[in-house]
Protein backbone atom coordinates (compact mmCIF):
# COMPACT_ATOMS: atom_id res chain seq x y z
CA UNK A 1 -0.02 0.36 0.05
CA UNK A 2 1.42 3.27 -1.16
CA UNK A 3 2.07 5.99 1.56
CA UNK A 4 1.34 9.89 1.61
CA UNK A 5 2.84 12.61 4.11
CA UNK A 6 0.20 15.47 3.92
CA UNK A 7 0.53 18.91 6.17
CA UNK A 8 -1.95 21.57 7.17
CA UNK A 9 -4.26 18.73 7.22
CA UNK A 10 -6.67 19.43 9.51
CA UNK A 11 -9.36 21.57 7.58
CA UNK A 12 -9.52 23.43 4.06
CA UNK A 13 -7.43 22.11 0.69
CA UNK A 14 -5.06 19.48 3.73
CA UNK A 15 -8.39 18.02 5.06
CA UNK A 16 -9.74 16.63 1.35
CA UNK A 17 -6.16 15.55 -0.20
CA UNK A 18 -6.49 12.97 2.86
CA UNK A 19 -9.91 11.45 2.28
CA UNK A 20 -9.07 11.51 -1.53
CA UNK A 21 -6.14 9.99 -1.59
CA UNK A 22 -7.58 7.73 1.29
CA UNK A 23 -10.27 6.52 -1.26
CA UNK A 24 -7.42 6.03 -4.02
CA UNK A 25 -6.37 3.21 -1.72
CA UNK A 26 -3.56 5.03 0.47
CA UNK A 27 -2.46 5.05 3.94
CA UNK A 28 -2.49 8.69 4.58
CA UNK A 29 -0.14 10.47 8.03
CA UNK A 30 -2.60 13.79 8.09
CA UNK A 31 0.11 15.72 9.91
CA UNK A 32 -0.98 19.27 12.16
CA UNK A 33 -0.32 20.92 14.64
CA UNK A 34 -2.99 18.13 16.69
CA UNK A 35 -4.22 15.85 15.93
CA UNK A 36 -7.42 15.93 13.87
CA UNK A 37 -9.96 13.38 13.69
CA UNK A 38 -11.42 11.72 10.47
CA UNK A 39 -13.69 8.02 9.73
CA UNK A 40 -11.54 6.53 7.41
CA UNK A 41 -9.57 4.05 8.79
CA UNK A 42 -7.09 4.31 6.34
CA UNK A 43 -6.36 8.55 7.78
CA UNK A 44 -4.04 8.64 10.80
CA UNK A 45 -3.83 11.71 12.45
CA UNK A 46 0.29 12.62 12.85
CA UNK A 47 1.31 15.73 15.86
CA UNK A 48 4.07 17.78 13.53
CA UNK A 49 5.08 21.31 14.19
CA UNK A 50 6.06 23.07 11.14
CA UNK A 51 8.67 25.58 12.63
CA UNK A 52 9.76 22.86 14.69
CA UNK A 53 12.96 20.01 12.86
CA UNK A 54 12.45 18.06 15.89
CA UNK A 55 9.08 17.55 15.57
CA UNK A 56 9.27 16.74 11.57
CA UNK A 57 12.17 14.24 12.06
CA UNK A 58 10.39 12.71 14.98
CA UNK A 59 6.83 12.74 13.16
CA UNK A 60 8.01 11.16 9.37
CA UNK A 61 10.18 8.63 11.66
CA UNK A 62 7.51 7.41 13.27
CA UNK A 63 6.02 7.49 10.08
CA UNK A 64 8.36 4.70 8.79
CA UNK A 65 8.39 2.87 11.63
CA UNK A 66 4.63 2.48 10.93
CA UNK A 67 4.88 1.88 7.70
CA UNK A 68 7.57 1.50 6.61
CA UNK A 69 9.16 3.66 4.04
CA UNK A 70 7.04 7.07 2.36
CA UNK A 71 6.14 7.61 -1.29
CA UNK A 72 4.34 10.47 -1.09
CA UNK A 73 5.13 14.43 0.80
CA UNK A 74 2.61 16.89 0.61
CA UNK A 75 3.86 19.65 1.72
CA UNK A 76 0.22 21.95 1.88
CA UNK A 77 0.74 23.63 5.63
CA UNK A 78 0.59 27.26 5.37
CA UNK A 79 -0.38 30.89 7.58
CA UNK A 80 -2.59 31.01 4.43
CA UNK A 81 -3.90 34.26 5.74
CA UNK A 82 -1.77 37.12 6.98
CA UNK A 83 -2.63 39.69 4.95
CA UNK A 84 -1.50 42.78 6.51
CA UNK A 85 0.40 46.68 4.96
CA UNK A 86 4.06 46.69 5.31
CA UNK A 87 4.24 49.34 8.07
CA UNK A 88 2.26 46.77 10.67
CA UNK A 89 4.09 43.52 10.19
CA UNK A 90 6.46 42.74 13.14
CA UNK A 91 9.38 41.03 11.50
CA UNK A 92 8.39 37.92 14.65
CA UNK A 93 5.18 38.13 12.21
CA UNK A 94 7.00 37.83 8.72
CA UNK A 95 9.78 34.77 10.19
CA UNK A 96 6.29 33.09 11.46
CA UNK A 97 4.94 32.99 8.19
CA UNK A 98 8.20 32.39 6.39
CA UNK A 99 9.40 29.67 9.07
CA UNK A 100 6.51 27.59 8.71
CA UNK A 101 5.37 27.83 4.32
CA UNK A 102 9.04 27.77 3.59
CA UNK A 103 11.32 26.11 6.15
CA UNK A 104 8.49 23.95 7.33
CA UNK A 105 8.18 22.68 3.57
CA UNK A 106 11.89 22.29 3.31
CA UNK A 107 12.67 20.49 6.44
CA UNK A 108 10.03 18.21 5.23
CA UNK A 109 11.72 17.72 2.34
CA UNK A 110 14.63 16.89 3.93
CA UNK A 111 13.08 14.22 6.76
CA UNK A 112 11.27 12.75 3.30
CA UNK A 113 14.44 11.03 1.49
CA UNK A 114 15.43 9.59 4.19
CA UNK A 115 11.58 8.59 4.90
CA UNK A 116 11.68 7.66 0.95
CA UNK A 117 14.69 5.35 1.09
CA UNK A 118 13.74 2.07 -0.14
CA UNK A 119 10.66 2.98 -1.94
CA UNK A 120 10.71 2.28 -5.39
CA UNK A 121 9.52 5.91 -5.89
CA UNK A 122 8.97 9.30 -4.34
CA UNK A 123 7.16 12.24 -4.59
CA UNK A 124 7.49 15.54 -3.20
CA UNK A 125 4.76 17.69 -4.12
CA UNK A 126 4.68 21.39 -2.93
CA UNK A 127 1.39 23.12 -2.82
CA UNK A 128 2.73 26.67 -3.68
CA UNK A 129 0.00 29.19 -4.82
CA UNK A 130 -0.60 32.26 -7.97
CA UNK A 131 0.53 34.70 -5.27
CA UNK A 132 4.81 33.58 -5.68
CA UNK A 133 3.89 35.95 -9.26
CA UNK A 134 0.36 37.68 -8.92
CA UNK A 135 -0.74 39.82 -5.95
CA UNK A 136 -2.42 42.36 -4.33
CA UNK A 137 -0.84 44.45 -1.29
CA UNK A 138 0.01 43.46 1.59
CA UNK A 139 0.42 40.01 1.13
CA UNK A 140 4.17 40.44 0.92
CA UNK A 141 5.61 37.37 3.33
CA UNK A 142 3.20 34.92 2.04
CA UNK A 143 4.06 35.80 -1.07
CA UNK A 144 6.87 36.03 -0.95
CA UNK A 145 6.73 32.15 1.15
CA UNK A 146 5.49 30.84 -2.22
CA UNK A 147 7.80 32.49 -4.80
CA UNK A 148 10.69 30.34 -2.26
CA UNK A 149 8.44 27.32 -2.92
CA UNK A 150 8.33 27.77 -6.36
CA UNK A 151 11.76 28.44 -6.82
CA UNK A 152 12.53 25.28 -3.98
CA UNK A 153 10.37 23.06 -6.40
CA UNK A 154 12.49 23.65 -9.38
CA UNK A 155 15.51 23.30 -7.00
CA UNK A 156 14.94 19.82 -5.15
CA UNK A 157 13.87 18.34 -9.15
CA UNK A 158 17.72 18.72 -10.00
CA UNK A 159 19.59 17.95 -6.27
CA UNK A 160 17.24 14.72 -6.80
CA UNK A 161 18.15 13.68 -10.16
CA UNK A 162 17.99 9.84 -9.41
CA UNK A 163 17.16 9.25 -6.02
CA UNK A 164 13.61 8.15 -7.53
CA UNK A 165 11.89 11.34 -6.21
CA UNK A 166 10.78 13.68 -8.48
CA UNK A 167 9.49 17.27 -6.98
CA UNK A 168 6.68 19.20 -8.32
CA UNK A 169 4.54 21.46 -7.41
CA UNK A 170 0.74 23.21 -7.57
CA UNK A 171 0.04 26.68 -7.53
CA UNK A 172 -4.07 27.34 -6.31
CA UNK A 173 -6.01 30.04 -7.26
CA UNK A 174 -9.71 30.90 -5.24
CA UNK A 175 -10.32 28.25 -4.47
CA UNK A 176 -13.01 27.87 -1.90
CA UNK A 177 -13.14 26.14 1.17
CA UNK A 178 -16.21 27.43 3.42
CA UNK A 179 -19.17 28.22 1.89
CA UNK A 180 -19.82 27.26 -1.88
CA UNK A 181 -22.64 28.40 -2.30
CA UNK A 182 -22.98 31.42 -1.70
CA UNK A 183 -20.68 32.57 -4.08
CA UNK A 184 -21.72 35.37 -6.49
CA UNK A 185 -22.19 34.91 -9.98
CA UNK A 186 -19.37 37.58 -10.72
CA UNK A 187 -16.72 35.65 -8.83
CA UNK A 188 -17.77 32.97 -11.13
CA UNK A 189 -18.00 34.66 -14.07
CA UNK A 190 -14.43 36.15 -13.53
CA UNK A 191 -13.10 33.06 -14.11
CA UNK A 192 -12.39 32.01 -17.83
CA UNK A 193 -12.97 28.78 -16.43
CA UNK A 194 -16.36 29.78 -15.73
CA UNK A 195 -16.14 28.70 -11.59
CA UNK A 196 -14.29 29.28 -8.88
CA UNK A 197 -12.18 26.70 -7.75
CA UNK A 198 -13.43 23.87 -5.68
CA UNK A 199 -10.61 21.86 -3.32
CA UNK A 200 -11.45 18.29 -5.20
CA UNK A 201 -9.38 20.31 -8.17
CA UNK A 202 -6.69 20.57 -6.03
CA UNK A 203 -6.62 17.10 -5.24
CA UNK A 204 -6.56 15.97 -8.65
CA UNK A 205 -4.07 17.31 -9.47
CA UNK A 206 -1.85 15.70 -7.38
CA UNK A 207 -2.97 12.17 -7.67
CA UNK A 208 -1.63 12.60 -11.27
CA UNK A 209 1.47 14.05 -9.41
CA UNK A 210 1.81 11.35 -6.90
CA UNK A 211 1.13 8.64 -9.61
CA UNK A 212 4.23 6.34 -10.33
CA UNK A 213 4.08 6.37 -13.58
CA UNK A 214 3.47 9.86 -14.59
CA UNK A 215 7.97 10.76 -13.21
CA UNK A 216 8.90 12.05 -15.91
CA UNK A 217 6.76 15.28 -14.79
CA UNK A 218 9.53 16.97 -12.72
CA UNK A 219 10.05 20.46 -12.09
CA UNK A 220 6.64 21.70 -12.93
CA UNK A 221 4.93 24.70 -10.61
CA UNK A 222 1.09 23.39 -12.28
CA UNK A 223 -1.34 25.87 -11.97
CA UNK A 224 -4.69 25.44 -10.94
CA UNK A 225 -7.20 28.35 -11.68
CA UNK A 226 -9.23 28.72 -13.74
CA UNK A 227 -7.42 30.79 -15.68
CA UNK A 228 -7.54 33.97 -13.60
CA UNK A 229 -3.58 34.42 -14.21
CA UNK A 230 -3.74 34.41 -18.31
CA UNK A 231 -6.09 37.53 -17.89
CA UNK A 232 -4.90 40.89 -17.96
CA UNK A 233 -6.45 43.93 -15.75
CA UNK A 234 -6.85 46.76 -17.03
CA UNK A 235 -9.73 49.68 -14.84
CA UNK A 236 -13.09 50.49 -16.00
């Protein structure tokens, strides 16, 4: 049975990933600051603090001890709603976003390489964001962390050549994890695909990248945003 560790598993995209991968036959290690509750028997909650190197190493080591070599790592855990004017951002806040979103992903990648030893293949999937290249005001910390994650993906792809591990990223656009039915028609219509994204859109992208047969897809940052990043915006 293939195994996958997914960070940021408690809610939103992370929860959808856990349930979707379990439904496809994976043993799922659902990592978060607290142990989230899942009903699926193949989902095992795991406590992990992305800011703490010892916590990350211990979590992946425990997973390997219980399930053997890990096959897939999805770096989904992040502080995703940090938006604050530049003059008001404290260095502690900046550091917390970067340590969680970027440093935490690096720690997981490094620990995963060891936990993957002996496996027939390996897949690292980093959940970045379209905000790494397109942004709005006051998202500097988040945008910088996701830009770093995109760059880390490209570098690790080359560094891990010959290891059997591919490294790719998925950059979601607007993925509604709340009340989808409450969205306005204009929210959907502004997307070239005609709708706002859903967590299962990211799930299908990750399942594709995790497939052992797709070893020739490597170093890619796959944008999943309904075409929004291809639009040009002008004031009316």
